[in-house]
Amino acid sequence: MLSKDFDFEKSIKELEKIAESLENEKISLDESIALFEKGVTLSKECSEYLENAKQKIVTLTEKESEANG
C-alpha cells in the first residue's frame, strides 16, 4: 500500500538515477544490489500508483456513462 505522501514524479526521477548509476558508475556489487533492490521497490510502487489511477478513471467513466445513459 502506498503512503499518502507518495510522489510519482519524484519516484520516476529516482528510478532514472538508479538506472544511470547501475549503467555508468563503477560501484561495488553490494552497492549495485542495494540500488537494484531500491529500484524494484520503486517500480512496484509506481505500478501500484498507475493501477490506482487507471481504476479511478475507469470508475469515473462508468459513472459518467450511467448518468448519461
PDB file of N, CA and C in Angstrom:
ATOM      1  N   MET A   1       0.840  -1.186   0.000  1.00  0.00           N
ATOM      2  CA  MET A   1       0.000   0.000   0.000  1.00  0.00           C
ATOM      3  C   MET A   1       0.880   1.243   0.000  1.00  0.00           C
ATOM      4  N   LEU A   2       0.504   2.179  -0.840  1.00  0.00           N
ATOM      5  CA  LEU A   2       1.280   3.407  -0.966  1.00  0.00           C
ATOM      6  C   LEU A   2       1.020   4.338   0.207  1.00  0.00           C
ATOM      7  N   SER A   3       2.059   5.059   0.597  1.00  0.00           N
ATOM      8  CA  SER A   3       1.876   6.064   1.636  1.00  0.00           C
ATOM      9  C   SER A   3       1.179   7.277   1.028  1.00  0.00           C
ATOM     10  N   LYS A   4       0.561   8.070   1.879  1.00  0.00           N
ATOM     11  CA  LYS A   4      -0.184   9.235   1.396  1.00  0.00           C
ATOM     12  C   LYS A   4       0.729  10.293   0.790  1.00  0.00           C
ATOM     13  N   ASP A   5       2.000  10.277   1.169  1.00  0.00           N
ATOM     14  CA  ASP A   5       2.929  11.273   0.645  1.00  0.00           C
ATOM     15  C   ASP A   5       3.743  10.756  -0.544  1.00  0.00           C
ATOM     16  N   PHE A   6       3.279   9.665  -1.162  1.00  0.00           N
ATOM     17  CA  PHE A   6       3.966   9.113  -2.331  1.00  0.00           C
ATOM     18  C   PHE A   6       3.960  10.138  -3.463  1.00  0.00           C
ATOM     19  N   ASP A   7       5.117  10.345  -4.079  1.00  0.00           N
ATOM     20  CA  ASP A   7       5.256  11.301  -5.174  1.00  0.00           C
ATOM     21  C   ASP A   7       5.722  10.537  -6.416  1.00  0.00           C
ATOM     22  N   PHE A   8       4.805  10.353  -7.352  1.00  0.00           N
ATOM     23  CA  PHE A   8       5.083   9.559  -8.550  1.00  0.00           C
ATOM     24  C   PHE A   8       6.246  10.139  -9.347  1.00  0.00           C
ATOM     25  N   GLU A   9       6.197  11.438  -9.624  1.00  0.00           N
ATOM     26  CA  GLU A   9       7.238  12.057 -10.440  1.00  0.00           C
ATOM     27  C   GLU A   9       8.613  11.954  -9.774  1.00  0.00           C
ATOM     28  N   LYS A  10       8.655  12.160  -8.470  1.00  0.00           N
ATOM     29  CA  LYS A  10       9.915  12.046  -7.732  1.00  0.00           C
ATOM     30  C   LYS A  10      10.441  10.607  -7.811  1.00  0.00           C
ATOM     31  N   SER A  11       9.546   9.648  -7.702  1.00  0.00           N
ATOM     32  CA  SER A  11       9.948   8.239  -7.758  1.00  0.00           C
ATOM     33  C   SER A  11      10.488   7.870  -9.131  1.00  0.00           C
ATOM     34  N   ILE A  12       9.856   8.379 -10.190  1.00  0.00           N
ATOM     35  CA  ILE A  12      10.343   8.113 -11.547  1.00  0.00           C
ATOM     36  C   ILE A  12      11.743   8.701 -11.736  1.00  0.00           C
ATOM     37  N   LYS A  13      11.952   9.916 -11.250  1.00  0.00           N
ATOM     38  CA  LYS A  13      13.277  10.541 -11.355  1.00  0.00           C
ATOM     39  C   LYS A  13      14.325   9.732 -10.588  1.00  0.00           C
ATOM     40  N   GLU A  14      13.926   9.228  -9.427  1.00  0.00           N
ATOM     41  CA  GLU A  14      14.850   8.417  -8.641  1.00  0.00           C
ATOM     42  C   GLU A  14      15.173   7.107  -9.354  1.00  0.00           C
ATOM     43  N   LEU A  15      14.167   6.511  -9.992  1.00  0.00           N
ATOM     44  CA  LEU A  15      14.404   5.301 -10.779  1.00  0.00           C
ATOM     45  C   LEU A  15      15.381   5.577 -11.922  1.00  0.00           C
ATOM     46  N   GLU A  16      15.236   6.722 -12.563  1.00  0.00           N
ATOM     47  CA  GLU A  16      16.149   7.092 -13.642  1.00  0.00           C
ATOM     48  C   GLU A  16      17.580   7.232 -13.130  1.00  0.00           C
ATOM     49  N   LYS A  17      17.741   7.849 -11.962  1.00  0.00           N
ATOM     50  CA  LYS A  17      19.076   7.997 -11.366  1.00  0.00           C
ATOM     51  C   LYS A  17      19.678   6.638 -11.027  1.00  0.00           C
ATOM     52  N   ILE A  18      18.850   5.751 -10.502  1.00  0.00           N
ATOM     53  CA  ILE A  18      19.321   4.410 -10.157  1.00  0.00           C
ATOM     54  C   ILE A  18      19.788   3.692 -11.419  1.00  0.00           C
ATOM     55  N   ALA A  19      18.998   3.771 -12.479  1.00  0.00           N
ATOM     56  CA  ALA A  19      19.361   3.105 -13.735  1.00  0.00           C
ATOM     57  C   ALA A  19      20.677   3.663 -14.278  1.00  0.00           C
ATOM     58  N   GLU A  20      20.818   4.978 -14.237  1.00  0.00           N
ATOM     59  CA  GLU A  20      22.066   5.599 -14.706  1.00  0.00           C
ATOM     60  C   GLU A  20      23.253   5.137 -13.871  1.00  0.00           C
ATOM     61  N   SER A  21      23.069   5.082 -12.565  1.00  0.00           N
ATOM     62  CA  SER A  21      24.160   4.642 -11.683  1.00  0.00           C
ATOM     63  C   SER A  21      24.562   3.209 -11.979  1.00  0.00           C
ATOM     64  N   LEU A  22      23.571   2.363 -12.168  1.00  0.00           N
ATOM     65  CA  LEU A  22      23.866   0.953 -12.446  1.00  0.00           C
ATOM     66  C   LEU A  22      24.544   0.777 -13.804  1.00  0.00           C
ATOM     67  N   GLU A  23      24.200   1.627 -14.758  1.00  0.00           N
ATOM     68  CA  GLU A  23      24.765   1.513 -16.097  1.00  0.00           C
ATOM     69  C   GLU A  23      26.140   2.165 -16.220  1.00  0.00           C
ATOM     70  N   ASN A  24      26.340   3.295 -15.561  1.00  0.00           N
ATOM     71  CA  ASN A  24      27.509   4.125 -15.854  1.00  0.00           C
ATOM     72  C   ASN A  24      28.561   4.208 -14.756  1.00  0.00           C
ATOM     73  N   GLU A  25      28.165   4.017 -13.537  1.00  0.00           N
ATOM     74  CA  GLU A  25      29.109   4.196 -12.441  1.00  0.00           C
ATOM     75  C   GLU A  25      29.806   2.884 -12.098  1.00  0.00           C
ATOM     76  N   LYS A  26      31.011   3.036 -11.635  1.00  0.00           N
ATOM     77  CA  LYS A  26      31.753   1.877 -11.157  1.00  0.00           C
ATOM     78  C   LYS A  26      31.496   1.767  -9.658  1.00  0.00           C
ATOM     79  N   ILE A  27      30.555   0.911  -9.315  1.00  0.00           N
ATOM     80  CA  ILE A  27      30.181   0.735  -7.910  1.00  0.00           C
ATOM     81  C   ILE A  27      30.343  -0.731  -7.542  1.00  0.00           C
ATOM     82  N   SER A  28      30.423  -0.965  -6.263  1.00  0.00           N
ATOM     83  CA  SER A  28      30.641  -2.333  -5.788  1.00  0.00           C
ATOM     84  C   SER A  28      29.392  -3.184  -6.025  1.00  0.00           C
ATOM     85  N   LEU A  29      29.584  -4.474  -5.939  1.00  0.00           N
ATOM     86  CA  LEU A  29      28.470  -5.405  -6.094  1.00  0.00           C
ATOM     87  C   LEU A  29      27.410  -5.154  -5.030  1.00  0.00           C
ATOM     88  N   ASP A  30      27.845  -4.935  -3.798  1.00  0.00           N
ATOM     89  CA  ASP A  30      26.893  -4.666  -2.715  1.00  0.00           C
ATOM     90  C   ASP A  30      26.076  -3.401  -2.987  1.00  0.00           C
ATOM     91  N   GLU A  31      26.745  -2.354  -3.472  1.00  0.00           N
ATOM     92  CA  GLU A  31      26.037  -1.117  -3.800  1.00  0.00           C
ATOM     93  C   GLU A  31      25.065  -1.347  -4.961  1.00  0.00           C
ATOM     94  N   SER A  32      25.500  -2.129  -5.936  1.00  0.00           N
ATOM     95  CA  SER A  32      24.637  -2.441  -7.080  1.00  0.00           C
ATOM     96  C   SER A  32      23.390  -3.191  -6.633  1.00  0.00           C
ATOM     97  N   ILE A  33      23.568  -4.153  -5.755  1.00  0.00           N
ATOM     98  CA  ILE A  33      22.432  -4.928  -5.258  1.00  0.00           C
ATOM     99  C   ILE A  33      21.470  -4.034  -4.482  1.00  0.00           C
ATOM    100  N   ALA A  34      22.015  -3.165  -3.649  1.00  0.00           N
ATOM    101  CA  ALA A  34      21.169  -2.255  -2.860  1.00  0.00           C
ATOM    102  C   ALA A  34      20.384  -1.323  -3.781  1.00  0.00           C
ATOM    103  N   LEU A  35      21.038  -0.780  -4.796  1.00  0.00           N
ATOM    104  CA  LEU A  35      20.349   0.088  -5.748  1.00  0.00           C
ATOM    105  C   LEU A  35      19.282  -0.677  -6.519  1.00  0.00           C
ATOM    106  N   PHE A  36      19.610  -1.891  -6.911  1.00  0.00           N
ATOM    107  CA  PHE A  36      18.655  -2.713  -7.644  1.00  0.00           C
ATOM    108  C   PHE A  36      17.414  -2.997  -6.790  1.00  0.00           C
ATOM    109  N   GLU A  37      17.631  -3.336  -5.523  1.00  0.00           N
ATOM    110  CA  GLU A  37      16.506  -3.592  -4.614  1.00  0.00           C
ATOM    111  C   GLU A  37      15.636  -2.346  -4.461  1.00  0.00           C
ATOM    112  N   LYS A  38      16.272  -1.200  -4.315  1.00  0.00           N
ATOM    113  CA  LYS A  38      15.517   0.052  -4.189  1.00  0.00           C
ATOM    114  C   LYS A  38      14.733   0.326  -5.473  1.00  0.00           C
ATOM    115  N   GLY A  39      15.349   0.046  -6.602  1.00  0.00           N
ATOM    116  CA  GLY A  39      14.677   0.232  -7.892  1.00  0.00           C
ATOM    117  C   GLY A  39      13.464  -0.668  -8.045  1.00  0.00           C
ATOM    118  N   VAL A  40      13.588  -1.904  -7.617  1.00  0.00           N
ATOM    119  CA  VAL A  40      12.456  -2.836  -7.688  1.00  0.00           C
ATOM    120  C   VAL A  40      11.307  -2.331  -6.823  1.00  0.00           C
ATOM    121  N   THR A  41      11.628  -1.871  -5.629  1.00  0.00           N
ATOM    122  CA  THR A  41      10.602  -1.342  -4.730  1.00  0.00           C
ATOM    123  C   THR A  41       9.914  -0.123  -5.348  1.00  0.00           C
ATOM    124  N   LEU A  42      10.700   0.801  -5.864  1.00  0.00           N
ATOM    125  CA  LEU A  42      10.135   1.995  -6.502  1.00  0.00           C
ATOM    126  C   LEU A  42       9.274   1.622  -7.709  1.00  0.00           C
ATOM    127  N   SER A  43       9.735   0.664  -8.480  1.00  0.00           N
ATOM    128  CA  SER A  43       8.984   0.223  -9.651  1.00  0.00           C
ATOM    129  C   SER A  43       7.625  -0.344  -9.251  1.00  0.00           C
ATOM    130  N   LYS A  44       7.599  -1.145  -8.207  1.00  0.00           N
ATOM    131  CA  LYS A  44       6.334  -1.707  -7.726  1.00  0.00           C
ATOM    132  C   LYS A  44       5.399  -0.606  -7.242  1.00  0.00           C
ATOM    133  N   GLU A  45       5.955   0.368  -6.526  1.00  0.00           N
ATOM    134  CA  GLU A  45       5.133   1.473  -6.032  1.00  0.00           C
ATOM    135  C   GLU A  45       4.559   2.295  -7.187  1.00  0.00           C
ATOM    136  N   CYS A  46       5.369   2.552  -8.199  1.00  0.00           N
ATOM    137  CA  CYS A  46       4.897   3.307  -9.359  1.00  0.00           C
ATOM    138  C   CYS A  46       3.809   2.527 -10.103  1.00  0.00           C
ATOM    139  N   SER A  47       3.998   1.239 -10.240  1.00  0.00           N
ATOM    140  CA  SER A  47       2.988   0.406 -10.899  1.00  0.00           C
ATOM    141  C   SER A  47       1.679   0.427 -10.130  1.00  0.00           C
ATOM    142  N   GLU A  48       1.766   0.339  -8.814  1.00  0.00           N
ATOM    143  CA  GLU A  48       0.567   0.387  -7.979  1.00  0.00           C
ATOM    144  C   GLU A  48      -0.132   1.738  -8.132  1.00  0.00           C
ATOM    145  N   TYR A  49       0.645   2.804  -8.142  1.00  0.00           N
ATOM    146  CA  TYR A  49       0.085   4.144  -8.301  1.00  0.00           C
ATOM    147  C   TYR A  49      -0.651   4.258  -9.635  1.00  0.00           C
ATOM    148  N   LEU A  50      -0.022   3.775 -10.707  1.00  0.00           N
ATOM    149  CA  LEU A  50      -0.643   3.844 -12.022  1.00  0.00           C
ATOM    150  C   LEU A  50      -1.896   2.973 -12.102  1.00  0.00           C
ATOM    151  N   GLU A  51      -1.873   1.829 -11.477  1.00  0.00           N
ATOM    152  CA  GLU A  51      -3.047   0.954 -11.463  1.00  0.00           C
ATOM    153  C   GLU A  51      -4.199   1.629 -10.719  1.00  0.00           C
ATOM    154  N   ASN A  52      -3.901   2.278  -9.602  1.00  0.00           N
ATOM    155  CA  ASN A  52      -4.931   3.006  -8.855  1.00  0.00           C
ATOM    156  C   ASN A  52      -5.506   4.147  -9.698  1.00  0.00           C
ATOM    157  N   ALA A  53      -4.647   4.862 -10.403  1.00  0.00           N
ATOM    158  CA  ALA A  53      -5.105   5.958 -11.257  1.00  0.00           C
ATOM    159  C   ALA A  53      -5.997   5.421 -12.370  1.00  0.00           C
ATOM    160  N   LYS A  54      -5.589   4.316 -12.961  1.00  0.00           N
ATOM    161  CA  LYS A  54      -6.381   3.690 -14.024  1.00  0.00           C
ATOM    162  C   LYS A  54      -7.759   3.304 -13.505  1.00  0.00           C
ATOM    163  N   GLN A  55      -7.799   2.719 -12.318  1.00  0.00           N
ATOM    164  CA  GLN A  55      -9.068   2.297 -11.740  1.00  0.00           C
ATOM    165  C   GLN A  55      -9.977   3.488 -11.462  1.00  0.00           C
ATOM    166  N   LYS A  56      -9.413   4.583 -11.000  1.00  0.00           N
ATOM    167  CA  LYS A  56     -10.204   5.798 -10.765  1.00  0.00           C
ATOM    168  C   LYS A  56     -10.821   6.296 -12.069  1.00  0.00           C
ATOM    169  N   ILE A  57     -10.026   6.278 -13.136  1.00  0.00           N
ATOM    170  CA  ILE A  57     -10.521   6.734 -14.433  1.00  0.00           C
ATOM    171  C   ILE A  57     -11.640   5.831 -14.927  1.00  0.00           C
ATOM    172  N   VAL A  58     -11.462   4.528 -14.794  1.00  0.00           N
ATOM    173  CA  VAL A  58     -12.497   3.581 -15.211  1.00  0.00           C
ATOM    174  C   VAL A  58     -13.779   3.816 -14.416  1.00  0.00           C
ATOM    175  N   THR A  59     -13.654   3.975 -13.111  1.00  0.00           N
ATOM    176  CA  THR A  59     -14.815   4.203 -12.255  1.00  0.00           C
ATOM    177  C   THR A  59     -15.537   5.494 -12.640  1.00  0.00           C
ATOM    178  N   LEU A  60     -14.783   6.567 -12.821  1.00  0.00           N
ATOM    179  CA  LEU A  60     -15.393   7.843 -13.209  1.00  0.00           C
ATOM    180  C   LEU A  60     -16.067   7.758 -14.575  1.00  0.00           C
ATOM    181  N   THR A  61     -15.436   7.087 -15.506  1.00  0.00           N
ATOM    182  CA  THR A  61     -16.001   6.926 -16.843  1.00  0.00           C
ATOM    183  C   THR A  61     -17.292   6.128 -16.793  1.00  0.00           C
ATOM    184  N   GLU A  62     -17.307   5.065 -16.002  1.00  0.00           N
ATOM    185  CA  GLU A  62     -18.510   4.244 -15.868  1.00  0.00           C
ATOM    186  C   GLU A  62     -19.641   5.048 -15.227  1.00  0.00           C
ATOM    187  N   LYS A  63     -19.340   5.820 -14.201  1.00  0.00           N
ATOM    188  CA  LYS A  63     -20.352   6.652 -13.559  1.00  0.00           C
ATOM    189  C   LYS A  63     -20.914   7.675 -14.543  1.00  0.00           C
ATOM    190  N   GLU A  64     -20.053   8.268 -15.342  1.00  0.00           N
ATOM    191  CA  GLU A  64     -20.483   9.266 -16.326  1.00  0.00           C
ATOM    192  C   GLU A  64     -21.382   8.605 -17.372  1.00  0.00           C
ATOM    193  N   SER A  65     -21.023   7.412 -17.823  1.00  0.00           N
ATOM    194  CA  SER A  65     -21.832   6.690 -18.796  1.00  0.00           C
ATOM    195  C   SER A  65     -23.201   6.341 -18.229  1.00  0.00           C
ATOM    196  N   GLU A  66     -23.242   5.922 -16.987  1.00  0.00           N
ATOM    197  CA  GLU A  66     -24.510   5.577 -16.340  1.00  0.00           C
ATOM    198  C   GLU A  66     -25.392   6.809 -16.175  1.00  0.00           C
ATOM    199  N   ALA A  67     -24.791   7.939 -15.865  1.00  0.00           N
ATOM    200  CA  ALA A  67     -25.551   9.172 -15.676  1.00  0.00           C
ATOM    201  C   ALA A  67     -26.145   9.675 -16.989  1.00  0.00           C
ATOM    202  N   ASN A  68     -25.436   9.434 -18.072  1.00  0.00           N
ATOM    203  CA  ASN A  68     -25.902   9.906 -19.376  1.00  0.00           C
ATOM    204  C   ASN A  68     -26.674   8.846 -20.151  1.00  0.00           C
ATOM    205  N   GLY A  69     -26.703   7.649 -19.627  1.00  0.00           N
ATOM    206  CA  GLY A  69     -27.151   6.523 -20.334  1.00  0.00           C
ATOM    207  C   GLY A  69     -28.483   6.148 -20.578  1.00  0.00           C
TER     208      GLY A  69
END
